[in-house]
Every structure is written in C-alpha cells, then in structure tokens.
Protein backbone atom coordinates (compact mmCIF):
# COMPACT_ATOMS: atom_id res chain seq x y z
CA MET A 1 0.00 0.00 0.00
CA THR A 2 1.25 3.48 -0.87
CA ASP A 3 -1.41 5.72 0.69
CA ALA A 4 -1.58 6.31 4.43
CA PRO A 5 -4.80 5.10 6.09
CA GLN A 6 -7.47 7.79 5.90
CA GLY A 7 -11.04 6.63 6.30
CA ILE A 8 -14.51 8.05 6.12
CA HIS A 9 -14.34 9.31 9.70
CA ASP A 10 -11.45 11.66 8.87
CA TYR A 11 -12.70 15.21 8.68
CA ILE A 12 -11.85 18.79 7.78
CA GLU A 13 -10.21 20.57 10.71
CA ASP A 14 -12.35 23.47 11.93
CA ALA A 15 -10.93 26.20 14.19
CA ARG A 16 -14.36 26.78 15.75
CA ASN A 17 -14.05 23.50 17.62
CA ALA A 18 -11.39 25.00 19.88
CA ASP A 19 -14.08 26.93 21.76
CA VAL A 20 -16.94 24.46 21.72
CA GLN A 21 -18.94 24.10 24.93
CA VAL A 22 -19.58 20.56 26.16
CA SER A 23 -22.54 19.49 28.29
CA VAL A 24 -21.71 17.37 31.36
CA ASN A 25 -24.82 16.35 33.29
CA GLY A 26 -26.62 19.39 31.93
CA HIS A 27 -23.86 21.87 32.81
CA LEU A 28 -22.09 23.64 29.96
CA CYS A 29 -18.35 24.18 30.07
CA HIS A 30 -15.46 24.82 27.69
CA ARG A 31 -14.25 21.59 26.08
CA ASN A 32 -10.86 21.96 27.79
CA GLU A 33 -12.57 22.05 31.18
CA ALA A 34 -15.03 19.20 30.62
CA THR A 35 -14.21 16.25 32.89
CA VAL A 36 -15.67 13.10 34.42
CA SER A 37 -14.49 11.27 37.51
CA VAL A 38 -11.78 8.61 37.36
CA PHE A 39 -14.36 6.49 39.20
CA ASP A 40 -16.89 6.82 36.39
CA SER A 41 -18.25 3.48 35.17
CA GLY A 42 -17.59 4.37 31.56
CA PHE A 43 -13.94 5.14 32.24
CA LEU A 44 -13.38 2.11 34.48
CA PHE A 45 -15.32 -0.57 32.59
CA GLY A 46 -16.80 0.80 29.36
CA ASP A 47 -20.14 0.54 31.17
CA GLY A 48 -22.37 2.83 29.15
CA VAL A 49 -24.16 3.48 25.88
CA TRP A 50 -23.76 6.23 23.32
CA GLU A 51 -25.19 7.76 20.17
CA GLY A 52 -23.85 9.84 17.32
CA PHE A 53 -26.09 12.54 15.84
CA ARG A 54 -25.80 14.54 12.63
CA VAL A 55 -26.95 18.16 12.52
CA ARG A 56 -27.94 19.54 9.14
CA ALA A 57 -29.90 22.59 7.97
CA GLY A 58 -30.96 23.58 11.48
CA GLY A 59 -32.10 20.16 12.64
CA VAL A 60 -30.97 16.88 14.18
CA ALA A 61 -31.39 13.93 11.83
CA PHE A 62 -33.40 10.90 12.98
CA LEU A 63 -33.45 12.11 16.57
CA ASP A 64 -36.21 9.80 17.79
CA ALA A 65 -34.60 6.69 16.26
CA HIS A 66 -31.32 7.48 18.00
CA LEU A 67 -33.05 8.07 21.34
CA ASP A 68 -34.95 4.79 20.91
CA ARG A 69 -31.65 2.95 20.52
CA LEU A 70 -30.06 4.80 23.45
CA PHE A 71 -32.83 3.92 25.86
CA ALA A 72 -33.09 0.34 24.59
CA GLY A 73 -29.37 -0.09 25.25
CA ALA A 74 -29.65 1.41 28.72
CA LYS A 75 -32.52 -0.94 29.51
CA ALA A 76 -30.51 -3.93 28.31
CA LEU A 77 -27.74 -2.87 30.70
CA ASP A 78 -30.31 -2.50 33.51
CA MET A 79 -29.21 1.13 33.84
CA ASP A 80 -31.32 3.72 35.62
CA THR A 81 -31.02 6.60 33.17
CA LYS A 82 -32.40 9.23 35.60
CA TRP A 83 -33.19 11.49 32.66
CA THR A 84 -36.28 11.10 30.51
CA ARG A 85 -36.24 11.32 26.71
CA THR A 86 -37.47 14.89 27.06
CA ASP A 87 -34.64 15.72 29.48
CA ILE A 88 -31.96 14.36 27.16
CA ARG A 89 -33.51 15.98 24.12
CA THR A 90 -33.59 19.31 25.97
CA GLN A 91 -29.95 19.03 27.03
CA LEU A 92 -28.94 18.20 23.45
CA MET A 93 -30.82 21.17 22.03
CA ASP A 94 -29.53 23.51 24.76
CA CYS A 95 -25.96 22.46 24.00
CA LEU A 96 -26.38 23.08 20.27
CA LYS A 97 -28.05 26.45 20.84
CA ALA A 98 -25.35 27.55 23.29
CA ASN A 99 -22.76 26.83 20.59
CA GLY A 100 -24.82 28.44 17.83
CA MET A 101 -24.61 25.21 15.84
CA HIS A 102 -27.02 24.63 12.95
CA ASP A 103 -25.24 22.75 10.17
CA GLY A 104 -22.20 20.56 9.46
CA VAL A 105 -22.11 19.27 13.04
CA HIS A 106 -21.58 15.83 14.54
CA VAL A 107 -22.58 15.13 18.15
CA ARG A 108 -21.41 12.35 20.43
CA LEU A 109 -23.78 11.71 23.35
CA MET A 110 -22.58 9.32 26.06
CA LEU A 111 -24.49 7.88 29.00
CA THR A 112 -22.71 5.83 31.67
CA ARG A 113 -23.91 4.14 34.84
CA GLY A 114 -22.21 6.78 37.01
CA ASN A 115 -19.46 6.94 39.62
CA LYS A 116 -18.29 3.95 41.69
CA LYS A 117 -17.37 4.06 45.35
CA SER A 118 -14.58 1.64 44.46
CA PRO A 119 -13.31 0.36 41.08
CA TYR A 120 -15.35 -2.84 40.97
CA GLN A 121 -17.65 -3.85 38.13
CA ALA A 122 -20.82 -4.77 40.06
CA PRO A 123 -23.54 -2.15 39.48
CA ARG A 124 -24.31 -2.11 43.22
CA PHE A 125 -21.01 -0.28 43.77
CA THR A 126 -22.36 2.71 41.84
CA GLN A 127 -22.95 5.66 44.16
CA SER A 128 -24.02 8.49 41.89
CA ASP A 129 -26.57 9.28 39.24
CA PRO A 130 -25.68 8.34 35.67
CA THR A 131 -23.19 10.49 33.78
CA LEU A 132 -24.42 12.23 30.62
CA VAL A 133 -21.91 13.93 28.31
CA ILE A 134 -22.73 15.70 25.04
CA ILE A 135 -19.86 16.72 22.73
CA PRO A 136 -20.80 18.67 19.59
CA GLU A 137 -18.18 19.40 16.92
CA TYR A 138 -18.08 21.00 13.52
CA LYS A 139 -17.21 18.05 11.29
CA ILE A 140 -17.36 17.65 7.54
CA PRO A 141 -16.04 14.46 5.86
CA LEU A 142 -13.03 14.82 3.62
CA ASP A 143 -14.07 15.03 -0.04
CA ALA A 144 -10.75 13.47 -1.04
CA VAL A 145 -11.58 10.26 0.85
CA ARG A 146 -14.91 9.89 -0.93
CA ALA A 147 -13.32 10.67 -4.30
CA ARG A 148 -10.54 8.14 -3.75
CA GLY A 149 -12.77 5.50 -2.20
CA ALA A 150 -12.24 3.59 1.03
CA ARG A 151 -9.79 0.67 1.19
CA LEU A 152 -10.77 -2.26 3.39
CA PHE A 153 -8.81 -5.15 4.86
CA THR A 154 -10.42 -8.32 6.19
CA VAL A 155 -9.15 -8.92 9.72
CA HIS A 156 -9.01 -12.00 11.92
CA VAL A 157 -11.05 -10.35 14.71
CA ARG A 158 -14.60 -11.66 14.45
CA ARG A 159 -17.93 -10.10 15.30
CA THR A 160 -19.41 -11.90 18.28
CA GLY A 161 -22.96 -13.13 18.66
CA PRO A 162 -25.58 -12.79 21.39
CA ALA A 163 -23.90 -15.53 23.43
CA GLU A 164 -20.82 -13.34 23.83
CA GLN A 165 -21.17 -9.55 23.60
CA ASP A 166 -24.25 -8.82 21.54
CA GLN A 167 -23.24 -6.52 18.69
CA LYS A 168 -26.67 -4.86 18.69
CA LEU A 169 -25.69 -3.12 21.94
CA ASN A 170 -24.12 0.27 21.22
CA SER A 171 -21.92 0.13 24.32
CA HIS A 172 -18.83 2.09 25.26
CA SER A 173 -16.84 -1.13 25.15
CA LYS A 174 -15.54 -1.28 21.56
CA LEU A 175 -12.30 -3.17 22.10
CA ASN A 176 -12.98 -5.81 19.44
CA CYS A 177 -13.61 -3.04 16.90
CA ILE A 178 -10.48 -1.20 18.00
CA LEU A 179 -8.37 -4.35 17.60
CA ALA A 180 -9.84 -4.79 14.13
CA CYS A 181 -9.08 -1.17 13.27
CA ILE A 182 -5.48 -1.57 14.47
CA GLN A 183 -4.93 -4.64 12.31
CA ALA A 184 -6.33 -2.91 9.22
CA GLU A 185 -4.28 0.24 9.74
CA LYS A 186 -1.10 -1.76 10.39
CA ALA A 187 -1.72 -3.38 7.01
CA GLY A 188 -2.02 0.09 5.47
CA TYR A 189 -5.79 0.13 4.94
CA ASP A 190 -8.48 2.57 6.02
CA GLU A 191 -10.90 0.33 7.85
CA ALA A 192 -11.43 -3.28 8.84
CA LEU A 193 -13.91 -5.65 7.25
CA MET A 194 -15.06 -8.10 9.92
CA LEU A 195 -16.55 -11.58 9.52
CA ASP A 196 -19.07 -13.46 11.62
CA PRO A 197 -18.13 -16.66 13.51
CA LEU A 198 -18.82 -18.80 10.41
CA GLY A 199 -16.67 -16.67 8.11
CA PHE A 200 -19.43 -14.77 6.34
CA VAL A 201 -19.15 -10.99 5.97
CA ALA A 202 -20.59 -9.15 8.98
CA THR A 203 -19.72 -5.44 9.00
CA CYS A 204 -16.81 -3.02 9.34
CA ASN A 205 -15.20 -1.83 12.55
CA SER A 206 -17.10 1.48 12.54
CA THR A 207 -19.46 1.40 9.55
CA HIS A 208 -21.95 -0.89 7.84
CA PHE A 209 -21.07 -2.71 4.66
CA PHE A 210 -23.07 -3.08 1.43
CA ILE A 211 -22.32 -4.62 -1.95
CA VAL A 212 -24.05 -4.28 -5.31
CA ARG A 213 -24.36 -7.29 -7.62
CA ASP A 214 -26.41 -7.41 -10.82
CA GLY A 215 -28.58 -4.47 -9.78
CA GLU A 216 -29.21 -5.81 -6.28
CA VAL A 217 -28.05 -4.34 -2.97
CA TRP A 218 -26.86 -6.82 -0.34
CA THR A 219 -25.95 -6.35 3.29
CA SER A 220 -25.39 -8.85 6.08
CA PRO A 221 -28.21 -9.99 8.38
CA PRO A 222 -28.51 -8.13 11.69
CA GLU A 223 -27.31 -10.84 14.07
CA TYR A 224 -23.64 -9.79 14.03
CA CYS A 225 -23.78 -6.04 13.59
CA LEU A 226 -25.05 -2.96 15.35
CA GLY A 227 -28.62 -2.01 14.57
CA GLY A 228 -27.40 0.96 12.55
CA ILE A 229 -29.78 3.88 12.05
CA THR A 230 -28.25 4.66 8.66
CA ARG A 231 -28.19 0.98 7.73
CA GLY A 232 -31.91 0.74 8.39
CA ASN A 233 -32.59 3.90 6.44
CA ILE A 234 -30.69 2.56 3.42
CA LEU A 235 -32.92 -0.52 3.46
CA THR A 236 -35.95 1.78 3.65
CA VAL A 237 -35.00 4.03 0.73
CA CYS A 238 -34.11 1.07 -1.47
CA ARG A 239 -37.44 -0.61 -0.82
CA ARG A 240 -39.35 2.61 -1.46
CA ALA A 241 -37.52 3.14 -4.74
CA GLY A 242 -38.03 -0.43 -5.92
CA ILE A 243 -34.34 -1.29 -5.67
CA PRO A 244 -33.93 -5.00 -4.82
CA VAL A 245 -32.26 -5.07 -1.40
CA TYR A 246 -31.47 -8.13 0.71
CA GLU A 247 -30.22 -8.87 4.20
CA LYS A 248 -28.39 -12.13 3.58
CA ARG A 249 -25.22 -14.01 4.32
CA PHE A 250 -22.49 -13.70 1.71
CA SER A 251 -18.79 -14.43 1.56
CA LEU A 252 -15.64 -12.62 0.54
CA VAL A 253 -15.87 -14.31 -2.86
CA ASP A 254 -19.11 -12.39 -3.40
CA VAL A 255 -17.42 -9.18 -2.26
CA TYR A 256 -14.41 -9.49 -4.54
CA ALA A 257 -16.68 -9.97 -7.57
CA ALA A 258 -19.11 -7.16 -6.60
CA ASP A 259 -20.01 -4.45 -9.10
CA GLU A 260 -20.01 -1.75 -6.41
CA VAL A 261 -19.32 -1.57 -2.68
CA PHE A 262 -20.25 1.16 -0.24
CA LEU A 263 -20.21 1.92 3.48
CA THR A 264 -22.83 3.67 5.59
CA GLY A 265 -22.78 5.58 8.85
CA THR A 266 -24.22 8.60 10.63
CA PHE A 267 -21.18 10.80 10.02
CA ALA A 268 -20.45 10.36 6.31
CA GLY A 269 -23.72 8.87 5.06
CA VAL A 270 -23.00 6.71 2.00
CA SER A 271 -19.33 6.30 1.05
CA PRO A 272 -17.93 4.31 -1.89
CA VAL A 273 -15.27 1.61 -1.51
CA LYS A 274 -12.33 1.34 -3.87
CA GLU A 275 -10.79 -1.98 -2.87
CA VAL A 276 -11.09 -4.90 -0.48
CA ASP A 277 -8.01 -6.97 0.39
CA GLY A 278 -6.18 -5.56 -2.62
CA ARG A 279 -8.98 -6.46 -5.04
CA ILE A 280 -10.12 -3.39 -6.94
CA ILE A 281 -13.90 -3.07 -6.99
CA ALA A 282 -15.29 -3.04 -10.52
CA THR A 283 -16.90 0.42 -10.33
CA LEU A 284 -16.00 3.13 -7.84
CA ASP A 285 -19.00 5.22 -6.76
CA GLY A 286 -21.14 3.51 -9.37
CA PRO A 287 -24.67 4.43 -10.48
CA LEU A 288 -26.48 2.48 -7.77
CA THR A 289 -24.21 3.81 -5.02
CA ARG A 290 -24.89 7.37 -6.21
CA ARG A 291 -28.61 6.74 -6.43
CA VAL A 292 -28.77 5.29 -2.92
CA ALA A 293 -26.74 8.22 -1.60
CA ALA A 294 -29.12 10.71 -3.18
CA LEU A 295 -32.18 8.91 -1.82
CA TYR A 296 -30.65 8.81 1.63
CA SER A 297 -29.82 12.53 1.54
CA GLU A 298 -33.46 13.25 0.68
CA LEU A 299 -34.61 11.09 3.59
CA VAL A 300 -32.33 13.00 5.98
CA GLY A 301 -33.92 16.24 4.84
CA GLU A 302 -37.35 14.81 5.59
CA ASN A 303 -36.37 13.68 9.10
CA LEU A 304 -34.82 16.72 10.79
CA THR A 305 -35.96 17.77 14.25
CA ALA A 306 -35.55 21.55 14.44
CA ILE A 307 -33.10 22.87 17.02
CA ALA A 308 -35.42 24.58 19.48
C-alpha cells in the first residue's frame, strides 16, 4: 500500500471546535474544562451506551430513532437513566443552541452508569446518578476520501454473537472493533472488514457494509452487527424506490466480484469503496451507489428535528 490510512471518519479541521462548549450532566463548560471522575463506570469498565447525531440545515437527523436505541441499550444494561427522553432531548438542544450550531455538526452523546465508590464492576457499587456527556463538533467528511474511495482489509477479529457480547448493543466497550481497526491500519488500509463466527461478511469496525451485484443491494443480516440507524434507512430508501435489497449471508468471494461496494454511517452517510483486500472493486462510486446516496440525503432532509 502506498497511501496512508485515511477513512470516512477523517474530517476537515475546523478552528471553531477549539471553543466548543460541552454538556456534562446538563452543565455547559469549555471543552478543555469538561471532565468526568476517574471512578466513572464508563472510564473504568466501558459501562455505558452512546449515540452519534448529525446536525444539518438547522435540525438533528433521525433524533427519535437514536433516542430509541439509546434507551433500549440502557434498559438492556439495567441502567437507571435518571433522565427522561425529554430531558436528554432538551440538554442536546440547549448544547447546540449555546454553541450556535445549525449545520455541518456531529454530536457524540454518552451515557454511563455513574461513579463507583470503588473500582469494581458490580452495578451495586455505583454511588451516583448516571453520567451524561454531550460533545458537539463542527465536522465535515473529507471530499478526497470519498473521491478516492475507502480501502478495506479483512481482519481475523470476528464479530461476536448474542452468546458473547451482543453486537446490537451500542456500548462504550468497543475493544474488538479497536483491535480490528489496528490490524487494518497496520496493514495500510483505512478500515477493517469483519466476519461473523462462520466466516461470512458481517460489517466493518465502525461502519456498515453493502455490496451491489447485478442491480441488487446486499448487506449482512442483523445478528452480528449494530442495529445501525443509517443501515436501516438505506434498506428503507431502497425498498421505497423499488431497488432489490437483501439482508443475507455472503462471503468474501461475493465481495471481490461485486459491481459496487459502499459503506454507511451517521457521520459520512454513504461512502464508496475502492478496494477490499487488494482487489479493486469493478466500479467506484457507481450508479447504484450514487442513487442510494441521493435517496438517503433526501430522507435525511425529511427527518430533521428543528433545534429549538
């Protein structure tokens, strides 16, 4: 490989981020002064859930779907969230308004179980209310990455199933994804392609994976990947437009012979893939990838909750 790894989460540096205010448990402070305790459950054990939001044209995209996933994850972790949906929505909006943010913004919202009286994993050792942190940043994906296309490397780290750590849980603990990312970057690629326990394609370390074959769009079934908001919306727009789309198991042989390949995620939307394991994909940013991207962009515009 000749190019340094640079994936779809790389972004244009923005000087305005230096003075962004962060919300910590509803209190706004300069990003350099925002802190959580060293006894926080998220810091000690990765015990928490999170969401990423995209802000466009004065609104937050798919806000209710993201909050649904946040609260479902907290319930699965048996976490007392303290805050209602309305509370969290208000804190998010207050943070965006305080920063004067209306477009080209990505938000990371993190909810942990709270502070421990001693660094032990049992929830009964928690002695505070949950910790809620909201970090908004001006972030625009790099056009050069989309134009060049992402390069993926299939790693040995597998996606686990419900019997291990259920991948549908959007938890703070992402160590398997980080290990996959490390292996891909050490090999000189942008992102990792991960397989399920039987060797079928599952997803990437931080995005969802789609291929196009003979006019059909394929993605893996949901058992070994996060229930992605963007992933679900891609399935929706394809079905509405009459594009054949399937959630099915497929192998790397299917990937290498694909007509087009693209990735999806909250931050960058739909992003084309150039190569997988050194195999050049037949068409970079092909007609179906562009059509799906356009349909998705329209759907985002129809699902913006105004910042108020």
